[in-house]
Amino acid sequence: MSEDNLSQSNEETTEPSGAPEPVTEPAVGDGPSVGAVGDAPEPAVSVNTAEDDAPSAAETVEESAPSVSVTVSAAADEAGSGEERLAQPEPTPSEAAADYDRSFPQLEKGEVIKGTVVHIDREGVLVDVGAKSEGIIHPDELSRDVAAEAESVVSVGEKIDVLVLEAESADGSLILSKKRADFEKAWDRVIEAKETGKTITAMVTERVKGGLVVDLGIRGFVPASHVGSGSLKTNLDKYVGDTLDLKVIEVDRERRKVVLSNRDADHAQRQSRRQTTIASLAVGKTLTGTVRRLTTYGAFVDLGGIDGLLHISEMSWTRINDPSDVLKEGEQIEVQILKLDLENGRISLGRRQILPDPWSEIETTYTIGELIQGTVARIVPFGVFVQVKSGIEGIIPNSELSYRRGVKASDLVHPGAEVEVKVIDVRPDERKLTLSLKQARQDEEIRRERKAVDDYQGRADRESPRYTIGDAVRRQDDNDD
């Protein structure tokens, strides 16, 4: 480029806006011209201003340059990363197999898990537990009952709990046990029942010294003092095969010891029903109760959380020697409330009140002078009580025992002896039936005497021929001839 053109370019660049007159600048790299010396002030300011603006433009270029550099660098890194990804090698078969194994849950020995039965045969039961292969339960690990058939214990499609015996056996199989999983669950259930006070049920399997053995999935023991009402006279054999409600009173997992109480469970249930029962009680009301305990003087009957006493005299219209003759523990009976004293916790019950009264039909059953059969119930100073049909007891006064004086009742009869007596008085309004032994025996003697006479006469007639009028007429005719 010529000096004239360069000079012109510089003039256009450095000429300030609105300047009164153009200033001619020397070419870049040349000093000022001689002819411009007198006009130096204003051209000098214009040149300096242009020079001051130059750094600003350079700074602008420098400031924008780093951002361009960062963008280019990021693009380069991304390209490098893509190249690295493209360069990664394919996994080996062993690595792929390891990744496949890690996709399944890792099972540990002793772990209890859930599974679904998929197949049953003689070799055992196959169970799908979500592992890479099904687990197997061998027959001896299926149930505590070794004789039980697999089909009776589980069914295909059933979800069951199993315990891992071997996560991977020598042949790579997953070995499981239902029996041991049930055992662990049973312990958990018993421990939970102990901690919460929950009532559980179990079947009595055998009677042992001092109590009962029950099956909880584990072996449990119920002391005799904790069976039923807690009476040591209770016949424990009758509970074998029954299912009992139980409270856990002691657990020791390390020693595998579980002690339970049927008495405490019954008490808890009775307490929950007590308030409801009390609100429904009223004198004269008939209820159904359960005989809880027998004594020599009566029976305690559970009315639903509260007991009432059924006295021996109120059990029957007839005399009872022992409550066990007519009732047994656990039996359900109907009773009537005779007296109610809730403040002192006393309820008097009656049973004969709701039974047919045999005295109401005594007049049509027996008639005076009739001979009847009976059993000697007991001997008392004033006579002998005899139980007759319908359970009614009649009295034989001492005066009606024998015609002989000074004879003791014990010389003639004894309790349990069958006797024939004669009815000599009937008073249903007084509930009294009077009998006579001597009159019955007198009548018997008369019958025997009559029979003896009849037998003698019959025998005499057979031994000697009878003489008739016909015989006499024929004899007279023979004489006339």
Protein backbone atom coordinates (compact mmCIF):
# COMPACT_ATOMS: atom_id res chain seq x y z
CA MET A 1 0.00 0.00 0.00
CA SER A 2 1.35 3.55 -0.85
CA GLU A 3 2.10 6.12 1.77
CA ASP A 4 -0.71 8.34 0.49
CA ASN A 5 -3.28 5.62 0.93
CA LEU A 6 -2.03 4.67 4.38
CA SER A 7 -2.09 8.29 5.42
CA GLN A 8 -5.62 8.64 4.19
CA SER A 9 -6.69 5.54 6.08
CA ASN A 10 -5.19 6.81 9.30
CA GLU A 11 -6.91 10.10 8.88
CA GLU A 12 -10.28 8.45 8.54
CA THR A 13 -9.65 6.32 11.59
CA THR A 14 -8.38 9.03 13.93
CA GLU A 15 -10.66 11.88 12.91
CA PRO A 16 -12.89 12.72 15.84
CA SER A 17 -16.60 12.97 15.29
CA GLY A 18 -17.67 16.62 14.82
CA ALA A 19 -14.05 17.95 14.39
CA PRO A 20 -13.88 21.44 12.86
CA GLU A 21 -11.27 20.49 10.36
CA PRO A 22 -9.46 17.42 9.15
CA VAL A 23 -6.02 16.62 10.54
CA THR A 24 -3.47 14.82 8.43
CA GLU A 25 -1.67 12.10 10.37
CA PRO A 26 1.73 10.77 9.46
CA ALA A 27 2.02 7.25 8.32
CA VAL A 28 2.32 4.56 10.94
CA GLY A 29 5.93 4.28 11.98
CA ASP A 30 6.88 7.78 10.61
CA GLY A 31 7.47 10.92 12.68
CA PRO A 32 5.31 14.06 12.27
CA SER A 33 5.78 16.14 9.08
CA VAL A 34 7.48 19.56 9.19
CA GLY A 35 4.50 21.43 7.90
CA ALA A 36 2.29 20.21 10.84
CA VAL A 37 4.47 21.43 13.72
CA GLY A 38 2.52 24.65 14.31
CA ASP A 39 -0.73 22.81 14.59
CA ALA A 40 0.62 20.16 17.01
CA PRO A 41 -1.83 20.47 20.05
CA GLU A 42 -5.06 19.20 18.51
CA PRO A 43 -3.55 16.46 16.33
CA ALA A 44 -1.64 15.26 19.44
CA VAL A 45 -4.90 14.87 21.40
CA SER A 46 -6.49 13.01 18.51
CA VAL A 47 -3.62 10.58 18.27
CA ASN A 48 -3.55 9.91 22.00
CA THR A 49 -7.27 9.22 22.04
CA ALA A 50 -6.91 6.66 19.32
CA GLU A 51 -4.07 5.04 21.16
CA ASP A 52 -6.13 4.87 24.38
CA ASP A 53 -8.97 3.16 22.52
CA ALA A 54 -6.70 0.47 21.12
CA PRO A 55 -6.10 -1.38 24.40
CA SER A 56 -9.82 -1.51 25.00
CA ALA A 57 -10.33 -3.31 21.74
CA ALA A 58 -7.52 -5.69 22.55
CA GLU A 59 -9.04 -6.42 25.93
CA THR A 60 -12.30 -7.18 24.23
CA VAL A 61 -10.57 -9.70 22.02
CA GLU A 62 -8.73 -11.20 25.01
CA GLU A 63 -11.91 -11.48 27.11
CA SER A 64 -13.85 -13.29 24.41
CA ALA A 65 -10.99 -15.60 23.55
CA PRO A 66 -11.09 -17.75 26.75
CA SER A 67 -14.79 -18.65 26.32
CA VAL A 68 -14.11 -19.84 22.85
CA SER A 69 -11.21 -21.87 24.21
CA VAL A 70 -13.35 -23.49 26.94
CA THR A 71 -16.03 -24.47 24.45
CA VAL A 72 -13.50 -26.02 22.15
CA SER A 73 -11.87 -27.86 25.08
CA ALA A 74 -15.23 -29.31 26.27
CA ALA A 75 -15.99 -30.48 22.77
CA ALA A 76 -12.58 -32.11 22.63
CA ASP A 77 -13.14 -33.89 25.97
CA GLU A 78 -16.53 -35.16 24.86
CA ALA A 79 -15.03 -36.47 21.67
CA GLY A 80 -12.29 -38.17 23.68
CA SER A 81 -14.84 -39.71 26.03
CA GLY A 82 -16.82 -41.09 23.12
CA GLU A 83 -13.64 -42.57 21.75
CA GLU A 84 -12.96 -44.24 25.10
CA ARG A 85 -16.48 -45.70 25.18
CA LEU A 86 -16.13 -47.03 21.75
CA ALA A 87 -12.83 -48.52 22.75
CA GLN A 88 -14.17 -50.51 25.83
CA PRO A 89 -13.92 -54.31 25.26
CA GLU A 90 -16.92 -56.72 25.39
CA PRO A 91 -17.33 -58.65 28.76
CA THR A 92 -15.96 -62.18 28.84
CA PRO A 93 -18.34 -65.16 29.35
CA SER A 94 -17.20 -65.52 32.97
CA GLU A 95 -17.90 -61.83 33.62
CA ALA A 96 -21.31 -62.12 31.99
CA ALA A 97 -22.12 -65.16 34.14
CA ALA A 98 -21.08 -63.25 37.25
CA ASP A 99 -23.33 -60.33 36.27
CA TYR A 100 -26.22 -62.81 35.75
CA ASP A 101 -25.67 -64.33 39.19
CA ARG A 102 -25.64 -60.89 40.82
CA SER A 103 -29.09 -60.18 39.35
CA PHE A 104 -30.62 -62.76 41.78
CA PRO A 105 -30.95 -62.35 45.56
CA GLN A 106 -28.00 -63.66 47.53
CA LEU A 107 -29.31 -66.32 49.97
CA GLU A 108 -27.57 -67.21 53.21
CA LYS A 109 -27.63 -70.37 55.29
CA GLY A 110 -30.21 -70.22 58.08
CA GLU A 111 -32.28 -67.53 56.36
CA VAL A 112 -36.08 -67.97 56.32
CA ILE A 113 -37.69 -66.95 53.03
CA LYS A 114 -40.96 -67.36 51.19
CA GLY A 115 -41.41 -69.53 48.12
CA THR A 116 -44.01 -71.14 45.89
CA VAL A 117 -44.36 -74.90 45.47
CA VAL A 118 -43.90 -75.77 41.79
CA HIS A 119 -43.52 -79.56 41.80
CA ILE A 120 -44.01 -82.56 44.10
CA ASP A 121 -42.61 -86.07 43.62
CA ARG A 122 -40.97 -88.89 45.56
CA GLU A 123 -37.64 -87.08 45.65
CA GLY A 124 -39.14 -84.10 47.45
CA VAL A 125 -40.72 -80.73 46.75
CA LEU A 126 -39.40 -78.09 44.37
CA VAL A 127 -39.89 -74.49 45.53
CA ASP A 128 -39.41 -71.28 43.58
CA VAL A 129 -37.78 -68.71 45.88
CA GLY A 130 -36.73 -66.23 43.17
CA ALA A 131 -33.21 -67.65 42.88
CA LYS A 132 -31.55 -68.72 39.62
CA SER A 133 -32.84 -72.23 40.20
CA GLU A 134 -35.59 -73.86 42.26
CA GLY A 135 -34.76 -75.12 45.73
CA ILE A 136 -35.56 -78.65 46.88
CA ILE A 137 -37.10 -79.84 50.14
CA HIS A 138 -36.20 -83.44 50.80
CA PRO A 139 -38.98 -85.61 52.32
CA ASP A 140 -37.39 -85.71 55.78
CA GLU A 141 -37.31 -81.90 55.88
CA LEU A 142 -40.95 -81.41 54.95
CA SER A 143 -42.77 -82.15 58.21
CA ARG A 144 -42.18 -83.35 61.75
CA ASP A 145 -44.43 -86.28 60.89
CA VAL A 146 -42.03 -88.45 58.90
CA ALA A 147 -44.87 -90.72 57.79
CA ALA A 148 -46.86 -87.88 56.24
CA GLU A 149 -47.26 -87.83 52.45
CA ALA A 150 -45.92 -84.71 50.73
CA GLU A 151 -49.30 -84.03 49.09
CA SER A 152 -50.95 -83.90 52.51
CA VAL A 153 -48.47 -81.28 53.72
CA VAL A 154 -48.20 -78.91 50.73
CA SER A 155 -49.81 -78.45 47.33
CA VAL A 156 -48.59 -77.06 44.01
CA GLY A 157 -49.02 -73.29 43.89
CA GLU A 158 -49.03 -72.93 47.66
CA LYS A 159 -46.85 -70.23 49.20
CA ILE A 160 -44.79 -71.51 52.11
CA ASP A 161 -41.96 -70.43 54.40
CA VAL A 162 -38.70 -72.32 54.03
CA LEU A 163 -35.30 -72.20 55.71
CA VAL A 164 -32.09 -72.26 53.67
CA LEU A 165 -30.00 -75.27 54.67
CA GLU A 166 -27.43 -74.88 51.88
CA ALA A 167 -27.34 -71.92 49.51
CA GLU A 168 -25.29 -74.04 47.13
CA SER A 169 -24.58 -77.69 47.75
CA ALA A 170 -21.79 -79.75 46.21
CA ASP A 171 -23.88 -80.26 43.08
CA GLY A 172 -24.99 -76.61 43.01
CA SER A 173 -28.48 -77.26 44.39
CA LEU A 174 -30.37 -74.99 46.76
CA ILE A 175 -31.38 -77.14 49.78
CA LEU A 176 -34.40 -75.98 51.80
CA SER A 177 -36.40 -77.11 54.84
CA LYS A 178 -40.04 -76.43 55.63
CA LYS A 179 -39.90 -78.32 58.90
CA ARG A 180 -37.21 -76.07 60.33
CA ALA A 181 -38.89 -72.92 59.04
CA ASP A 182 -42.07 -73.98 60.83
CA PHE A 183 -39.99 -74.60 63.94
CA GLU A 184 -38.55 -71.09 63.83
CA LYS A 185 -41.99 -69.58 63.21
CA ALA A 186 -43.39 -71.51 66.17
CA TRP A 187 -40.74 -70.05 68.46
CA ASP A 188 -41.45 -66.55 67.16
CA ARG A 189 -45.17 -67.06 67.80
CA VAL A 190 -44.59 -68.30 71.36
CA ILE A 191 -42.21 -65.46 72.21
CA GLU A 192 -44.66 -62.91 70.80
CA ALA A 193 -47.49 -64.44 72.86
CA LYS A 194 -45.35 -64.17 76.00
CA GLU A 195 -44.47 -60.53 75.33
CA THR A 196 -48.02 -59.43 74.43
CA GLY A 197 -50.01 -61.71 76.76
CA LYS A 198 -51.88 -63.14 73.80
CA THR A 199 -53.86 -66.37 74.20
CA ILE A 200 -52.81 -69.23 71.89
CA THR A 201 -54.28 -72.68 71.27
CA ALA A 202 -52.62 -76.08 71.11
CA MET A 203 -53.63 -79.74 71.11
CA VAL A 204 -52.77 -82.01 74.03
CA THR A 205 -50.62 -84.87 72.74
CA GLU A 206 -49.91 -86.82 75.91
CA ARG A 207 -50.23 -86.96 79.66
CA VAL A 208 -46.94 -87.05 81.56
CA LYS A 209 -45.96 -86.97 85.19
CA GLY A 210 -46.99 -83.64 86.62
CA GLY A 211 -49.01 -82.32 83.70
CA LEU A 212 -49.74 -82.34 79.98
CA VAL A 213 -47.64 -82.04 76.81
CA VAL A 214 -49.06 -79.83 74.03
CA ASP A 215 -48.05 -79.36 70.39
CA LEU A 216 -47.29 -75.74 69.48
CA GLY A 217 -45.09 -76.65 66.54
CA ILE A 218 -42.64 -77.06 69.39
CA ARG A 219 -43.09 -79.05 72.61
CA GLY A 220 -44.89 -77.22 75.40
CA PHE A 221 -45.67 -78.28 78.97
CA VAL A 222 -48.77 -77.46 81.04
CA PRO A 223 -48.39 -78.23 84.78
CA ALA A 224 -51.31 -80.08 86.40
CA SER A 225 -51.94 -77.07 88.66
CA HIS A 226 -52.55 -74.98 85.53
CA VAL A 227 -55.05 -77.33 83.88
CA GLY A 228 -58.74 -76.46 84.14
CA SER A 229 -59.60 -75.14 87.58
CA GLY A 230 -56.19 -76.15 88.89
CA SER A 231 -57.50 -78.96 91.07
CA LEU A 232 -54.91 -81.67 91.56
CA LYS A 233 -57.75 -84.21 91.59
CA THR A 234 -58.55 -83.44 87.94
CA ASN A 235 -58.34 -86.43 85.63
CA LEU A 236 -55.70 -85.26 83.16
CA ASP A 237 -56.14 -88.23 80.83
CA LYS A 238 -59.46 -86.86 79.59
CA TYR A 239 -57.68 -83.84 78.06
CA VAL A 240 -55.54 -85.90 75.66
CA GLY A 241 -56.62 -85.07 72.10
CA ASP A 242 -58.41 -81.87 73.16
CA THR A 243 -57.44 -78.36 72.06
CA LEU A 244 -56.81 -75.97 74.94
CA ASP A 245 -56.58 -72.19 75.23
CA LEU A 246 -53.24 -71.30 76.79
CA LYS A 247 -51.20 -68.42 78.17
CA VAL A 248 -47.40 -68.55 77.94
CA ILE A 249 -45.89 -68.15 81.42
CA GLU A 250 -42.24 -69.10 80.72
CA VAL A 251 -40.01 -69.27 77.62
CA ASP A 252 -36.36 -70.29 77.37
CA ARG A 253 -35.36 -70.69 73.74
CA GLU A 254 -31.81 -71.78 74.46
CA ARG A 255 -33.05 -74.66 76.64
CA ARG A 256 -36.07 -75.16 74.39
CA LYS A 257 -38.43 -74.83 77.32
CA VAL A 258 -42.01 -73.54 77.11
CA VAL A 259 -44.40 -73.57 80.11
CA LEU A 260 -48.06 -72.67 79.62
CA SER A 261 -51.25 -72.24 81.65
CA ASN A 262 -54.77 -73.25 80.68
CA ARG A 263 -56.08 -71.92 83.99
CA ASP A 264 -54.80 -68.39 83.28
CA ALA A 265 -56.29 -68.42 79.78
CA ASP A 266 -59.68 -69.50 81.14
CA HIS A 267 -59.51 -66.83 83.83
CA ALA A 268 -58.77 -64.12 81.26
CA GLN A 269 -61.69 -65.21 79.08
CA ARG A 270 -64.03 -65.37 82.07
CA GLN A 271 -63.04 -61.86 83.16
CA SER A 272 -63.85 -60.50 79.71
CA ARG A 273 -67.33 -62.05 79.89
CA ARG A 274 -68.01 -61.24 83.56
CA GLN A 275 -69.52 -57.76 83.22
CA THR A 276 -71.85 -58.78 80.42
CA THR A 277 -73.08 -61.75 82.45
CA ILE A 278 -73.62 -59.75 85.65
CA ALA A 279 -75.82 -57.27 83.82
CA SER A 280 -78.12 -60.10 82.65
CA LEU A 281 -78.57 -61.91 86.01
CA ALA A 282 -81.94 -61.94 87.78
CA VAL A 283 -83.60 -64.15 90.42
CA GLY A 284 -85.78 -66.80 88.79
CA LYS A 285 -83.95 -66.65 85.46
CA THR A 286 -82.88 -69.93 83.85
CA LEU A 287 -79.36 -70.06 82.40
CA THR A 288 -77.06 -72.61 80.81
CA GLY A 289 -73.78 -73.06 82.62
CA THR A 290 -70.74 -75.32 82.71
CA VAL A 291 -69.81 -77.41 85.74
CA ARG A 292 -66.32 -76.18 86.67
CA ARG A 293 -65.70 -77.94 89.97
CA LEU A 294 -67.35 -80.60 92.12
CA THR A 295 -67.20 -80.71 95.91
CA THR A 296 -68.81 -82.92 98.56
CA TYR A 297 -71.50 -80.28 99.17
CA GLY A 298 -72.29 -79.23 95.62
CA ALA A 299 -70.99 -77.96 92.29
CA PHE A 300 -69.63 -74.62 91.09
CA VAL A 301 -71.18 -73.68 87.77
CA ASP A 302 -69.66 -71.12 85.36
CA LEU A 303 -72.46 -68.85 84.14
CA GLY A 304 -70.17 -66.85 81.86
CA GLY A 305 -67.29 -65.26 83.74
CA ILE A 306 -68.87 -65.68 87.16
CA ASP A 307 -69.56 -68.81 89.23
CA GLY A 308 -72.69 -69.86 91.09
CA LEU A 309 -73.08 -72.62 93.70
CA LEU A 310 -75.46 -75.49 93.01
CA HIS A 311 -75.97 -77.12 96.40
CA ILE A 312 -76.36 -80.89 96.55
CA SER A 313 -79.87 -80.51 97.98
CA GLU A 314 -80.92 -78.49 94.91
CA MET A 315 -79.61 -80.89 92.29
CA SER A 316 -82.53 -83.31 92.21
CA TRP A 317 -85.91 -84.07 93.74
CA THR A 318 -84.41 -87.27 95.01
CA ARG A 319 -81.67 -87.66 97.57
CA ILE A 320 -78.10 -87.58 96.24
CA ASN A 321 -75.17 -88.99 98.19
CA ASP A 322 -72.45 -87.34 96.10
CA PRO A 323 -72.62 -84.68 93.34
CA SER A 324 -70.44 -86.86 91.12
CA ASP A 325 -73.31 -89.38 90.99
CA VAL A 326 -75.32 -87.02 88.77
CA LEU A 327 -72.82 -84.45 87.39
CA LYS A 328 -69.33 -84.34 85.93
CA GLU A 329 -66.86 -81.52 85.39
CA GLY A 330 -67.18 -79.82 81.99
CA GLU A 331 -70.84 -80.86 81.62
CA GLN A 332 -73.30 -78.19 80.47
CA ILE A 333 -76.51 -77.99 82.51
CA GLU A 334 -79.50 -75.71 82.93
CA VAL A 335 -79.90 -74.01 86.30
CA GLN A 336 -82.19 -71.45 87.88
CA ILE A 337 -81.03 -68.49 89.94
CA LEU A 338 -82.48 -68.83 93.44
CA LYS A 339 -80.60 -66.07 95.30
CA LEU A 340 -78.40 -63.20 94.12
CA ASP A 341 -75.86 -61.32 96.28
CA LEU A 342 -73.46 -59.59 93.89
CA GLU A 343 -71.93 -57.40 96.61
CA ASN A 344 -70.54 -60.50 98.29
CA GLY A 345 -70.12 -62.40 95.03
CA ARG A 346 -72.65 -65.12 95.90
CA ILE A 347 -75.11 -66.71 93.51
CA SER A 348 -77.28 -69.65 94.66
CA LEU A 349 -78.51 -71.98 91.94
CA GLY A 350 -81.10 -74.72 91.68
CA ARG A 351 -81.56 -77.53 89.21
CA ARG A 352 -84.46 -79.55 90.53
CA GLN A 353 -86.73 -76.51 90.07
CA ILE A 354 -86.61 -76.97 86.31
CA LEU A 355 -86.93 -80.77 86.41
CA PRO A 356 -90.29 -82.62 86.46
CA ASP A 357 -91.58 -83.03 90.04
CA PRO A 358 -92.28 -86.76 90.60
CA TRP A 359 -94.47 -85.96 93.63
CA SER A 360 -97.00 -84.24 91.37
CA GLU A 361 -98.01 -87.64 89.95
CA ILE A 362 -97.51 -89.78 93.05
CA GLU A 363 -101.25 -90.38 93.62
CA THR A 364 -101.73 -91.80 90.15
CA THR A 365 -98.52 -93.81 90.33
CA TYR A 366 -99.11 -95.61 93.64
CA THR A 367 -102.24 -96.76 95.44
CA ILE A 368 -102.69 -97.76 99.09
CA GLY A 369 -102.35 -101.52 99.59
CA GLU A 370 -100.18 -101.98 96.49
CA LEU A 371 -97.03 -104.08 96.72
CA ILE A 372 -94.05 -102.40 95.03
CA GLN A 373 -90.30 -102.99 94.65
CA GLY A 374 -87.65 -100.66 96.06
CA THR A 375 -84.02 -100.30 97.09
CA VAL A 376 -82.89 -99.59 100.62
CA ALA A 377 -81.28 -96.12 100.51
CA ARG A 378 -80.23 -95.67 104.11
CA ILE A 379 -81.05 -96.74 107.64
CA VAL A 380 -81.89 -94.07 110.22
CA PRO A 381 -82.83 -94.29 113.93
CA PHE A 382 -86.54 -93.96 113.20
CA GLY A 383 -86.75 -96.33 110.26
CA VAL A 384 -85.54 -97.20 106.78
CA PHE A 385 -85.66 -95.03 103.62
CA VAL A 386 -86.47 -96.96 100.46
CA GLN A 387 -86.07 -95.49 96.98
CA VAL A 388 -88.85 -96.53 94.63
CA LYS A 389 -89.62 -95.83 90.99
CA SER A 390 -89.16 -92.21 89.82
CA GLY A 391 -86.47 -91.72 92.48
CA ILE A 392 -88.92 -90.96 95.25
CA GLU A 393 -87.95 -92.11 98.71
CA GLY A 394 -90.53 -93.66 101.03
CA ILE A 395 -90.11 -94.30 104.74
CA ILE A 396 -90.62 -97.59 106.56
CA PRO A 397 -91.19 -96.67 110.22
CA ASN A 398 -89.62 -98.96 112.79
CA SER A 399 -93.13 -100.16 113.72
CA GLU A 400 -93.62 -101.47 110.20
CA LEU A 401 -90.39 -103.42 109.98
CA SER A 402 -91.43 -106.64 111.73
CA TYR A 403 -94.12 -108.18 113.95
CA ARG A 404 -91.45 -109.27 116.33
CA ARG A 405 -90.41 -106.82 119.01
CA GLY A 406 -86.85 -105.71 119.56
CA VAL A 407 -85.76 -106.46 116.02
CA LYS A 408 -83.26 -103.96 114.59
CA ALA A 409 -83.54 -102.68 111.04
CA SER A 410 -79.97 -103.76 110.33
CA ASP A 411 -81.00 -107.34 111.19
CA LEU A 412 -83.59 -107.29 108.41
CA VAL A 413 -82.15 -105.11 105.60
CA HIS A 414 -79.00 -103.30 104.50
CA PRO A 415 -78.31 -100.34 102.14
CA GLY A 416 -78.59 -101.39 98.52
CA ALA A 417 -80.81 -104.40 99.24
CA GLU A 418 -83.84 -104.97 97.01
CA VAL A 419 -87.04 -105.28 99.04
CA GLU A 420 -90.76 -105.65 98.46
CA VAL A 421 -92.87 -103.22 100.48
CA LYS A 422 -96.53 -102.35 100.83
CA VAL A 423 -97.90 -98.82 100.32
CA ILE A 424 -99.87 -97.89 103.43
CA ASP A 425 -100.10 -94.08 103.06
CA VAL A 426 -99.62 -91.47 100.29
CA ARG A 427 -99.49 -87.71 101.05
CA PRO A 428 -98.21 -85.74 98.00
CA ASP A 429 -98.81 -82.35 99.65
CA GLU A 430 -96.42 -83.37 102.45
CA ARG A 431 -94.12 -85.24 100.04
CA LYS A 432 -94.51 -88.32 102.18
CA LEU A 433 -94.86 -91.97 101.16
CA THR A 434 -95.25 -94.48 104.02
CA LEU A 435 -94.36 -98.09 103.44
CA SER A 436 -94.55 -101.33 105.41
CA LEU A 437 -92.13 -104.20 105.27
CA LYS A 438 -93.90 -106.44 107.77
CA GLN A 439 -97.24 -106.21 105.99
CA ALA A 440 -95.61 -106.97 102.69
CA ARG A 441 -93.89 -109.96 104.21
CA GLN A 442 -97.12 -111.03 105.92
CA ASP A 443 -98.90 -110.91 102.63
CA GLU A 444 -96.08 -112.89 101.15
CA GLU A 445 -96.42 -115.53 103.88
CA ILE A 446 -100.14 -115.73 103.28
CA ARG A 447 -99.51 -116.19 99.57
CA ARG A 448 -97.00 -118.88 100.25
CA GLU A 449 -99.40 -120.68 102.62
CA ARG A 450 -102.20 -120.54 100.09
CA LYS A 451 -99.94 -121.81 97.43
CA ALA A 452 -98.84 -124.66 99.65
CA VAL A 453 -102.46 -125.60 100.34
CA ASP A 454 -103.34 -125.42 96.68
CA ASP A 455 -100.36 -127.52 95.76
CA TYR A 456 -101.29 -130.12 98.40
CA GLN A 457 -104.89 -130.32 97.30
CA GLY A 458 -103.92 -130.70 93.70
CA ARG A 459 -101.50 -133.46 94.51
CA ALA A 460 -104.14 -135.32 96.63
CA ASP A 461 -106.65 -135.16 93.84
CA ARG A 462 -104.20 -136.72 91.43
CA GLU A 463 -103.26 -139.56 93.79
CA SER A 464 -106.82 -140.81 94.79
CA PRO A 465 -109.67 -141.32 92.28
CA ARG A 466 -112.71 -139.13 92.75
CA TYR A 467 -116.06 -140.76 93.69
CA THR A 468 -119.02 -139.21 91.88
CA ILE A 469 -122.84 -139.54 91.96
CA GLY A 470 -122.67 -141.43 88.76
CA ASP A 471 -120.47 -143.97 90.44
CA ALA A 472 -123.05 -144.35 93.29
CA VAL A 473 -125.96 -144.82 90.86
CA ARG A 474 -124.14 -147.44 88.92
CA ARG A 475 -123.29 -149.28 92.13
CA GLN A 476 -127.01 -149.24 93.19
CA ASP A 477 -128.02 -150.62 89.81
CA ASP A 478 -125.54 -153.40 90.14
CA ASN A 479 -126.92 -154.33 93.57
CA ASP A 480 -130.49 -154.41 92.32
CA ASP A 481 -129.53 -156.86 89.68
